[in-house]
Amino acid sequence: MGETLYSSTFQPDPRSALDVLAFVLTPVAAFATDPDEFEAVAELLGCAKAEAIERWQNLRGEARRS
């Protein structure tokens, strides 16, 4: 079975490099269409994307140590 492309109930797996990469590469326009909100959403997403990468790296490191 292939990867899920879209599901309203999809929960990304923070351990999955594919899920993290998909989130990180998703453009801001996918989350905000109102020009007045675009900058604020971009700032929030920047922080969230950095956190997603950090969590993935930490989880990957823990898995290697186990």
Protein backbone atom coordinates (compact mmCIF):
# COMPACT_ATOMS: atom_id res chain seq x y z
CA MET A 1 0.00 0.00 0.00
CA GLY A 2 1.30 3.49 -0.85
CA GLU A 3 1.65 6.65 1.18
CA THR A 4 -1.43 8.62 2.25
CA LEU A 5 -1.61 11.76 0.12
CA TYR A 6 -4.52 13.39 1.90
CA SER A 7 -6.80 12.55 4.77
CA SER A 8 -8.66 14.93 7.03
CA THR A 9 -7.74 12.66 9.96
CA PHE A 10 -4.06 12.23 9.03
CA GLN A 11 -1.71 12.57 11.98
CA PRO A 12 1.91 13.07 10.91
CA ASP A 13 4.41 10.77 12.57
CA PRO A 14 7.25 12.80 14.13
CA ARG A 15 9.51 9.74 13.69
CA SER A 16 8.88 9.59 9.94
CA ALA A 17 11.40 11.48 7.83
CA LEU A 18 8.84 11.56 5.01
CA ASP A 19 6.15 13.15 7.20
CA VAL A 20 8.57 15.73 8.59
CA LEU A 21 9.95 16.54 5.14
CA ALA A 22 6.44 16.92 3.70
CA PHE A 23 5.55 19.40 6.46
CA VAL A 24 8.80 21.35 6.13
CA LEU A 25 8.46 21.64 2.35
CA THR A 26 4.78 22.65 2.39
CA PRO A 27 4.57 26.31 1.34
CA VAL A 28 3.02 28.92 3.61
CA ALA A 29 0.28 29.46 1.03
CA ALA A 30 -1.12 26.05 1.96
CA PHE A 31 -1.84 27.37 5.47
CA ALA A 32 -2.76 31.01 4.80
CA THR A 33 -4.43 32.69 1.87
CA ASP A 34 -5.25 36.04 3.43
CA PRO A 35 -2.40 38.49 2.67
CA ASP A 36 -2.88 40.10 6.07
CA GLU A 37 -2.22 36.78 7.81
CA PHE A 38 0.54 35.53 5.54
CA GLU A 39 3.47 37.06 7.43
CA ALA A 40 2.22 35.93 10.85
CA VAL A 41 1.56 32.41 9.60
CA ALA A 42 4.99 32.30 7.95
CA GLU A 43 6.62 33.24 11.26
CA LEU A 44 4.67 30.62 13.21
CA LEU A 45 5.35 27.96 10.61
CA GLY A 46 9.05 28.76 10.61
CA CYS A 47 9.16 27.97 14.32
CA ALA A 48 6.98 24.87 13.93
CA LYS A 49 9.08 23.55 11.05
CA ALA A 50 12.30 24.04 13.01
CA GLU A 51 10.71 22.24 15.98
CA ALA A 52 9.58 19.35 13.75
CA ILE A 53 13.12 18.89 12.44
CA GLU A 54 14.61 19.05 15.94
CA ARG A 55 12.13 16.51 17.29
CA TRP A 56 12.79 14.16 14.37
CA GLN A 57 16.55 14.41 14.96
CA ASN A 58 16.12 13.75 18.70
CA LEU A 59 13.84 10.76 18.10
CA ARG A 60 16.22 9.40 15.48
CA GLY A 61 19.12 9.72 17.93
CA GLU A 62 17.16 7.93 20.65
CA ALA A 63 16.33 5.08 18.27
CA ARG A 64 20.00 4.68 17.37
CA ARG A 65 21.00 4.49 21.05
CA SER A 66 18.38 1.80 21.80
